[in-house]
Amino acid sequence: MNEFDPSRERPAILFANEAFYRAFADRDFPAMSDLWAETAACVCIHPGWPALTGRREVLASWERILAGDTPAIDCRLPELHFAGETAFVVGYEVVGRDWLVATNAFVRERGRWRMVFHQAGPAPPMAARAAKEGSGESGQGRPN
């Protein structure tokens, strides 16, 4: 009997979340493609974009983004949440001097945690300040 145990799944989910940001940093489209679910429904909402639905549309957007001049993104303070056997990682993305709040959702597919949802948008100034304080960073901003 394989009963779902969130505490046992935590490292694998956080690893998948880190792999998402590594694929972005490396502009590695094959790695990005490998992270997204193949059979589960996929949705992605890039800042300022309309909602993209379906694996094909989501991956086409990542292919365009990764082929361009992508900014460095640093994921801060990821918090893991569960809704049944779906995992949500909510955290902050630091892009230059801007802060975004992001949600990444994962489901188990063929024995692996695969991404089914990503959304990022501007974080309010108080949230960014709290995230800086929580990361041990001074209020002077992060060097680029």
N, C-alpha and C. Protein backbone atom coordinates (compact mmCIF):
# COMPACT_ATOMS: atom_id res chain seq x y z
N MET A 1 0.84 -1.18 0.00
CA MET A 1 0.00 0.00 0.00
C MET A 1 0.88 1.24 0.00
N ASN A 2 0.73 2.11 -0.98
CA ASN A 2 1.50 3.34 -1.08
C ASN A 2 0.63 4.52 -0.68
N GLU A 3 0.59 4.83 0.59
CA GLU A 3 -0.18 5.97 1.06
C GLU A 3 0.65 7.23 0.88
N PHE A 4 0.02 8.30 0.42
CA PHE A 4 0.71 9.56 0.17
C PHE A 4 1.18 10.18 1.48
N ASP A 5 2.46 10.50 1.55
CA ASP A 5 3.05 11.11 2.74
C ASP A 5 3.75 12.40 2.32
N PRO A 6 3.12 13.57 2.53
CA PRO A 6 3.70 14.84 2.10
C PRO A 6 5.12 15.07 2.62
N SER A 7 5.40 14.69 3.86
CA SER A 7 6.73 14.95 4.41
C SER A 7 7.81 14.17 3.66
N ARG A 8 7.46 12.99 3.17
CA ARG A 8 8.42 12.20 2.40
C ARG A 8 8.63 12.77 1.00
N GLU A 9 7.63 13.45 0.46
CA GLU A 9 7.70 14.00 -0.89
C GLU A 9 8.35 15.38 -0.95
N ARG A 10 8.45 16.05 0.18
CA ARG A 10 8.97 17.42 0.23
C ARG A 10 10.29 17.62 -0.52
N PRO A 11 11.34 16.83 -0.28
CA PRO A 11 12.61 17.07 -0.99
C PRO A 11 12.48 16.95 -2.51
N ALA A 12 11.71 15.99 -2.98
CA ALA A 12 11.56 15.79 -4.42
C ALA A 12 10.81 16.96 -5.06
N ILE A 13 9.82 17.49 -4.37
CA ILE A 13 9.06 18.62 -4.92
C ILE A 13 9.94 19.88 -4.96
N LEU A 14 10.65 20.13 -3.88
CA LEU A 14 11.52 21.30 -3.86
C LEU A 14 12.64 21.17 -4.88
N PHE A 15 13.11 19.94 -5.12
CA PHE A 15 14.11 19.71 -6.16
C PHE A 15 13.53 20.04 -7.53
N ALA A 16 12.29 19.62 -7.80
CA ALA A 16 11.63 19.93 -9.07
C ALA A 16 11.47 21.44 -9.23
N ASN A 17 11.13 22.12 -8.14
CA ASN A 17 10.99 23.58 -8.20
C ASN A 17 12.33 24.24 -8.52
N GLU A 18 13.39 23.77 -7.89
CA GLU A 18 14.72 24.31 -8.18
C GLU A 18 15.13 24.00 -9.62
N ALA A 19 14.76 22.82 -10.11
CA ALA A 19 15.10 22.45 -11.49
C ALA A 19 14.43 23.40 -12.48
N PHE A 20 13.23 23.87 -12.16
CA PHE A 20 12.54 24.84 -13.00
C PHE A 20 13.38 26.12 -13.13
N TYR A 21 13.85 26.64 -12.00
CA TYR A 21 14.64 27.87 -12.04
C TYR A 21 16.02 27.63 -12.67
N ARG A 22 16.58 26.45 -12.51
CA ARG A 22 17.86 26.11 -13.15
C ARG A 22 17.68 26.05 -14.67
N ALA A 23 16.60 25.44 -15.14
CA ALA A 23 16.34 25.38 -16.58
C ALA A 23 16.19 26.79 -17.15
N PHE A 24 15.53 27.66 -16.41
CA PHE A 24 15.37 29.05 -16.85
C PHE A 24 16.74 29.73 -16.90
N ALA A 25 17.53 29.60 -15.83
CA ALA A 25 18.84 30.25 -15.77
C ALA A 25 19.77 29.76 -16.88
N ASP A 26 19.70 28.46 -17.18
CA ASP A 26 20.57 27.87 -18.19
C ASP A 26 20.01 28.00 -19.61
N ARG A 27 18.80 28.57 -19.73
CA ARG A 27 18.11 28.65 -21.03
C ARG A 27 18.04 27.27 -21.69
N ASP A 28 17.71 26.31 -20.86
CA ASP A 28 17.72 24.90 -21.27
C ASP A 28 16.30 24.45 -21.59
N PHE A 29 15.90 24.63 -22.84
CA PHE A 29 14.53 24.27 -23.22
C PHE A 29 14.25 22.77 -23.04
N PRO A 30 15.16 21.85 -23.40
CA PRO A 30 14.85 20.44 -23.16
C PRO A 30 14.59 20.14 -21.68
N ALA A 31 15.35 20.76 -20.79
CA ALA A 31 15.12 20.55 -19.35
C ALA A 31 13.78 21.14 -18.94
N MET A 32 13.45 22.33 -19.46
CA MET A 32 12.17 22.96 -19.15
C MET A 32 11.03 22.08 -19.64
N SER A 33 11.16 21.58 -20.84
CA SER A 33 10.13 20.72 -21.41
C SER A 33 9.93 19.45 -20.58
N ASP A 34 11.03 18.90 -20.10
CA ASP A 34 10.98 17.68 -19.30
C ASP A 34 10.28 17.89 -17.96
N LEU A 35 10.30 19.12 -17.46
CA LEU A 35 9.67 19.42 -16.17
C LEU A 35 8.15 19.47 -16.24
N TRP A 36 7.62 19.86 -17.38
CA TRP A 36 6.17 20.06 -17.50
C TRP A 36 5.46 18.73 -17.75
N ALA A 37 4.30 18.58 -17.13
CA ALA A 37 3.51 17.36 -17.25
C ALA A 37 3.15 17.08 -18.70
N GLU A 38 3.06 15.80 -19.02
CA GLU A 38 2.69 15.39 -20.38
C GLU A 38 1.22 15.02 -20.50
N THR A 39 0.62 14.51 -19.43
CA THR A 39 -0.78 14.09 -19.52
C THR A 39 -1.71 14.97 -18.69
N ALA A 40 -1.23 15.57 -17.62
CA ALA A 40 -2.07 16.45 -16.80
C ALA A 40 -2.22 17.80 -17.49
N ALA A 41 -3.29 18.50 -17.18
CA ALA A 41 -3.53 19.83 -17.75
C ALA A 41 -2.45 20.80 -17.28
N CYS A 42 -1.97 21.66 -18.18
CA CYS A 42 -0.94 22.64 -17.88
C CYS A 42 -1.47 24.05 -18.12
N VAL A 43 -1.10 24.97 -17.23
CA VAL A 43 -1.46 26.38 -17.36
C VAL A 43 -0.26 27.22 -16.94
N CYS A 44 0.00 28.29 -17.68
CA CYS A 44 1.10 29.19 -17.35
C CYS A 44 0.65 30.62 -17.58
N ILE A 45 0.94 31.48 -16.61
CA ILE A 45 0.61 32.89 -16.74
C ILE A 45 1.88 33.69 -16.46
N HIS A 46 2.53 34.11 -17.54
CA HIS A 46 3.72 34.96 -17.42
C HIS A 46 3.25 36.37 -17.07
N PRO A 47 4.07 37.15 -16.36
CA PRO A 47 3.67 38.52 -16.04
C PRO A 47 3.30 39.32 -17.29
N GLY A 48 2.09 39.85 -17.29
CA GLY A 48 1.63 40.67 -18.40
C GLY A 48 1.09 39.90 -19.59
N TRP A 49 1.07 38.58 -19.52
CA TRP A 49 0.58 37.75 -20.63
C TRP A 49 -0.81 37.23 -20.29
N PRO A 50 -1.57 36.83 -21.32
CA PRO A 50 -2.82 36.11 -21.05
C PRO A 50 -2.49 34.69 -20.57
N ALA A 51 -3.48 34.04 -20.01
CA ALA A 51 -3.27 32.66 -19.57
C ALA A 51 -3.01 31.75 -20.77
N LEU A 52 -2.00 30.91 -20.64
CA LEU A 52 -1.67 29.92 -21.67
C LEU A 52 -2.11 28.56 -21.15
N THR A 53 -2.83 27.82 -21.97
CA THR A 53 -3.34 26.53 -21.52
C THR A 53 -2.88 25.42 -22.45
N GLY A 54 -2.62 24.28 -21.87
CA GLY A 54 -2.18 23.12 -22.63
C GLY A 54 -0.66 23.07 -22.75
N ARG A 55 -0.12 21.88 -22.69
CA ARG A 55 1.32 21.68 -22.74
C ARG A 55 1.96 22.35 -23.97
N ARG A 56 1.35 22.18 -25.14
CA ARG A 56 1.93 22.72 -26.37
C ARG A 56 2.05 24.25 -26.29
N GLU A 57 1.00 24.92 -25.88
CA GLU A 57 1.02 26.39 -25.81
C GLU A 57 1.99 26.87 -24.73
N VAL A 58 2.00 26.20 -23.58
CA VAL A 58 2.90 26.57 -22.49
C VAL A 58 4.36 26.41 -22.93
N LEU A 59 4.69 25.27 -23.53
CA LEU A 59 6.07 25.04 -23.94
C LEU A 59 6.49 25.96 -25.08
N ALA A 60 5.58 26.32 -25.96
CA ALA A 60 5.92 27.27 -27.03
C ALA A 60 6.33 28.61 -26.41
N SER A 61 5.65 29.00 -25.33
CA SER A 61 6.02 30.26 -24.68
C SER A 61 7.41 30.17 -24.05
N TRP A 62 7.70 29.04 -23.42
CA TRP A 62 9.03 28.88 -22.81
C TRP A 62 10.12 28.82 -23.87
N GLU A 63 9.82 28.22 -25.00
CA GLU A 63 10.81 28.15 -26.06
C GLU A 63 11.16 29.57 -26.54
N ARG A 64 10.14 30.41 -26.71
CA ARG A 64 10.39 31.81 -27.12
C ARG A 64 11.16 32.57 -26.05
N ILE A 65 10.75 32.41 -24.81
CA ILE A 65 11.40 33.13 -23.71
C ILE A 65 12.86 32.71 -23.57
N LEU A 66 13.12 31.42 -23.57
CA LEU A 66 14.48 30.92 -23.36
C LEU A 66 15.40 31.21 -24.54
N ALA A 67 14.84 31.44 -25.72
CA ALA A 67 15.65 31.78 -26.89
C ALA A 67 16.06 33.24 -26.88
N GLY A 68 15.40 34.04 -26.03
CA GLY A 68 15.70 35.47 -25.97
C GLY A 68 16.71 35.79 -24.89
N ASP A 69 16.76 37.05 -24.56
CA ASP A 69 17.66 37.57 -23.53
C ASP A 69 16.94 37.48 -22.19
N THR A 70 17.08 36.35 -21.51
CA THR A 70 16.35 36.14 -20.26
C THR A 70 17.10 36.77 -19.09
N PRO A 71 16.37 37.44 -18.21
CA PRO A 71 17.02 38.01 -17.03
C PRO A 71 17.31 36.91 -16.00
N ALA A 72 18.24 37.19 -15.12
CA ALA A 72 18.50 36.27 -14.01
C ALA A 72 17.33 36.32 -13.05
N ILE A 73 16.90 35.16 -12.58
CA ILE A 73 15.81 35.08 -11.61
C ILE A 73 16.30 34.26 -10.42
N ASP A 74 16.10 34.82 -9.24
CA ASP A 74 16.49 34.14 -8.01
C ASP A 74 15.22 33.84 -7.23
N CYS A 75 14.96 32.57 -6.95
CA CYS A 75 13.78 32.17 -6.18
C CYS A 75 14.11 32.30 -4.69
N ARG A 76 13.25 33.01 -3.96
CA ARG A 76 13.46 33.23 -2.53
C ARG A 76 12.26 32.74 -1.72
N LEU A 77 12.55 32.24 -0.56
CA LEU A 77 11.55 31.84 0.43
C LEU A 77 10.45 30.94 -0.13
N PRO A 78 10.81 29.87 -0.81
CA PRO A 78 9.76 28.97 -1.32
C PRO A 78 9.05 28.28 -0.16
N GLU A 79 7.73 28.31 -0.19
CA GLU A 79 6.91 27.64 0.81
C GLU A 79 6.09 26.57 0.11
N LEU A 80 6.13 25.38 0.64
CA LEU A 80 5.44 24.24 0.04
C LEU A 80 4.09 24.02 0.70
N HIS A 81 3.08 23.84 -0.12
CA HIS A 81 1.71 23.59 0.35
C HIS A 81 1.15 22.41 -0.43
N PHE A 82 0.19 21.73 0.18
CA PHE A 82 -0.45 20.60 -0.49
C PHE A 82 -1.95 20.80 -0.54
N ALA A 83 -2.54 20.36 -1.65
CA ALA A 83 -3.98 20.23 -1.79
C ALA A 83 -4.17 18.79 -2.26
N GLY A 84 -4.41 17.90 -1.33
CA GLY A 84 -4.43 16.48 -1.66
C GLY A 84 -3.06 16.05 -2.11
N GLU A 85 -2.97 15.48 -3.30
CA GLU A 85 -1.68 15.04 -3.83
C GLU A 85 -1.11 15.99 -4.87
N THR A 86 -1.58 17.24 -4.82
CA THR A 86 -1.02 18.31 -5.66
C THR A 86 -0.19 19.21 -4.75
N ALA A 87 1.01 19.56 -5.20
CA ALA A 87 1.91 20.41 -4.42
C ALA A 87 2.00 21.79 -5.04
N PHE A 88 1.99 22.81 -4.20
CA PHE A 88 2.13 24.19 -4.63
C PHE A 88 3.33 24.80 -3.93
N VAL A 89 4.21 25.40 -4.70
CA VAL A 89 5.34 26.12 -4.12
C VAL A 89 5.09 27.60 -4.39
N VAL A 90 4.97 28.36 -3.33
CA VAL A 90 4.75 29.80 -3.43
C VAL A 90 6.00 30.49 -2.90
N GLY A 91 6.54 31.41 -3.68
CA GLY A 91 7.74 32.12 -3.25
C GLY A 91 7.89 33.41 -4.03
N TYR A 92 9.04 34.02 -3.83
CA TYR A 92 9.34 35.28 -4.50
C TYR A 92 10.41 35.06 -5.56
N GLU A 93 10.29 35.77 -6.64
CA GLU A 93 11.29 35.78 -7.69
C GLU A 93 11.92 37.17 -7.71
N VAL A 94 13.23 37.20 -7.60
CA VAL A 94 13.95 38.47 -7.68
C VAL A 94 14.49 38.57 -9.10
N VAL A 95 14.08 39.61 -9.80
CA VAL A 95 14.49 39.86 -11.18
C VAL A 95 15.10 41.26 -11.20
N GLY A 96 16.43 41.31 -11.18
CA GLY A 96 17.10 42.61 -11.05
C GLY A 96 16.72 43.22 -9.72
N ARG A 97 16.11 44.39 -9.76
CA ARG A 97 15.66 45.05 -8.53
C ARG A 97 14.17 44.84 -8.29
N ASP A 98 13.52 44.13 -9.19
CA ASP A 98 12.08 43.88 -9.06
C ASP A 98 11.82 42.57 -8.33
N TRP A 99 10.69 42.53 -7.65
CA TRP A 99 10.25 41.34 -6.94
C TRP A 99 8.91 40.90 -7.50
N LEU A 100 8.80 39.61 -7.73
CA LEU A 100 7.53 39.01 -8.15
C LEU A 100 7.14 37.97 -7.11
N VAL A 101 5.86 37.70 -7.01
CA VAL A 101 5.40 36.56 -6.22
C VAL A 101 4.99 35.50 -7.24
N ALA A 102 5.39 34.26 -6.99
CA ALA A 102 5.15 33.19 -7.97
C ALA A 102 4.56 31.97 -7.31
N THR A 103 3.76 31.27 -8.07
CA THR A 103 3.21 29.98 -7.66
C THR A 103 3.55 28.95 -8.73
N ASN A 104 4.12 27.85 -8.29
CA ASN A 104 4.42 26.71 -9.16
C ASN A 104 3.70 25.50 -8.58
N ALA A 105 2.93 24.81 -9.40
CA ALA A 105 2.18 23.64 -8.94
C ALA A 105 2.71 22.39 -9.63
N PHE A 106 2.72 21.29 -8.87
CA PHE A 106 3.27 20.03 -9.34
C PHE A 106 2.32 18.88 -9.01
N VAL A 107 2.29 17.90 -9.91
CA VAL A 107 1.55 16.66 -9.67
C VAL A 107 2.49 15.49 -9.96
N ARG A 108 2.16 14.33 -9.39
CA ARG A 108 2.95 13.13 -9.68
C ARG A 108 2.48 12.58 -11.01
N GLU A 109 3.43 12.38 -11.89
CA GLU A 109 3.13 11.80 -13.20
C GLU A 109 4.23 10.81 -13.51
N ARG A 110 3.86 9.56 -13.68
CA ARG A 110 4.82 8.49 -13.97
C ARG A 110 5.96 8.44 -12.96
N GLY A 111 5.61 8.62 -11.69
CA GLY A 111 6.59 8.50 -10.62
C GLY A 111 7.44 9.73 -10.36
N ARG A 112 7.18 10.84 -11.07
CA ARG A 112 7.96 12.07 -10.89
C ARG A 112 7.03 13.24 -10.63
N TRP A 113 7.55 14.23 -9.94
CA TRP A 113 6.80 15.48 -9.77
C TRP A 113 7.00 16.33 -11.00
N ARG A 114 5.89 16.63 -11.67
CA ARG A 114 5.93 17.41 -12.92
C ARG A 114 5.11 18.68 -12.74
N MET A 115 5.55 19.75 -13.35
CA MET A 115 4.90 21.04 -13.24
C MET A 115 3.61 21.07 -14.06
N VAL A 116 2.58 21.66 -13.47
CA VAL A 116 1.31 21.83 -14.19
C VAL A 116 0.85 23.28 -14.19
N PHE A 117 1.51 24.13 -13.39
CA PHE A 117 1.07 25.52 -13.28
C PHE A 117 2.23 26.40 -12.87
N HIS A 118 2.32 27.55 -13.53
CA HIS A 118 3.26 28.61 -13.11
C HIS A 118 2.57 29.94 -13.32
N GLN A 119 2.64 30.78 -12.32
CA GLN A 119 2.15 32.15 -12.45
C GLN A 119 3.05 33.05 -11.63
N ALA A 120 3.44 34.18 -12.21
CA ALA A 120 4.24 35.17 -11.50
C ALA A 120 3.69 36.55 -11.80
N GLY A 121 3.71 37.40 -10.79
CA GLY A 121 3.26 38.77 -10.95
C GLY A 121 3.93 39.65 -9.92
N PRO A 122 3.82 40.97 -10.09
CA PRO A 122 4.48 41.90 -9.18
C PRO A 122 4.10 41.65 -7.73
N ALA A 123 5.10 41.73 -6.87
CA ALA A 123 4.86 41.60 -5.43
C ALA A 123 4.71 43.00 -4.85
N PRO A 124 3.82 43.16 -3.89
CA PRO A 124 3.70 44.47 -3.26
C PRO A 124 4.98 44.81 -2.50
N PRO A 125 5.30 46.08 -2.37
CA PRO A 125 6.55 46.48 -1.71
C PRO A 125 6.73 45.87 -0.32
N MET A 126 5.68 45.76 0.47
CA MET A 126 5.83 45.19 1.81
C MET A 126 6.23 43.72 1.73
N ALA A 127 5.71 42.98 0.77
CA ALA A 127 6.06 41.57 0.63
C ALA A 127 7.53 41.42 0.25
N ALA A 128 8.00 42.29 -0.63
CA ALA A 128 9.40 42.23 -1.04
C ALA A 128 10.30 42.55 0.15
N ARG A 129 9.93 43.53 0.93
CA ARG A 129 10.72 43.90 2.09
C ARG A 129 10.76 42.75 3.10
N ALA A 130 9.63 42.11 3.33
CA ALA A 130 9.58 40.98 4.26
C ALA A 130 10.43 39.83 3.73
N ALA A 131 10.41 39.59 2.43
CA ALA A 131 11.21 38.51 1.85
C ALA A 131 12.69 38.81 2.00
N LYS A 132 13.09 40.06 1.85
CA LYS A 132 14.49 40.43 2.04
C LYS A 132 14.91 40.17 3.48
N GLU A 133 14.05 40.58 4.42
CA GLU A 133 14.37 40.38 5.84
C GLU A 133 14.46 38.90 6.16
N GLY A 134 13.56 38.10 5.59
CA GLY A 134 13.55 36.66 5.83
C GLY A 134 14.73 35.95 5.23
N SER A 135 15.39 36.57 4.23
CA SER A 135 16.52 35.93 3.57
C SER A 135 17.84 36.33 4.20
N GLY A 136 17.79 37.22 5.19
CA GLY A 136 19.02 37.67 5.81
C GLY A 136 19.72 38.76 5.01
N GLU A 137 19.06 39.25 3.98
CA GLU A 137 19.63 40.29 3.12
C GLU A 137 19.37 41.65 3.74
N SER A 138 20.29 42.56 3.60
CA SER A 138 20.11 43.91 4.11
C SER A 138 19.08 44.64 3.26
N GLY A 139 18.61 45.76 3.71
CA GLY A 139 17.63 46.55 2.98
C GLY A 139 18.25 47.32 1.82
N GLN A 140 19.52 47.12 1.54
CA GLN A 140 20.21 47.86 0.50
C GLN A 140 19.98 47.30 -0.89
N GLY A 141 19.27 46.22 -1.01
CA GLY A 141 19.05 45.62 -2.33
C GLY A 141 20.13 44.60 -2.63
N ARG A 142 19.85 43.76 -3.56
CA ARG A 142 20.75 42.66 -3.91
C ARG A 142 21.65 43.10 -5.04
N PRO A 143 22.96 42.89 -4.91
CA PRO A 143 23.83 43.25 -6.02
C PRO A 143 23.55 42.40 -7.24
N ASN A 144 23.67 42.98 -8.44
CA ASN A 144 23.44 42.23 -9.68
C ASN A 144 24.69 41.54 -10.12
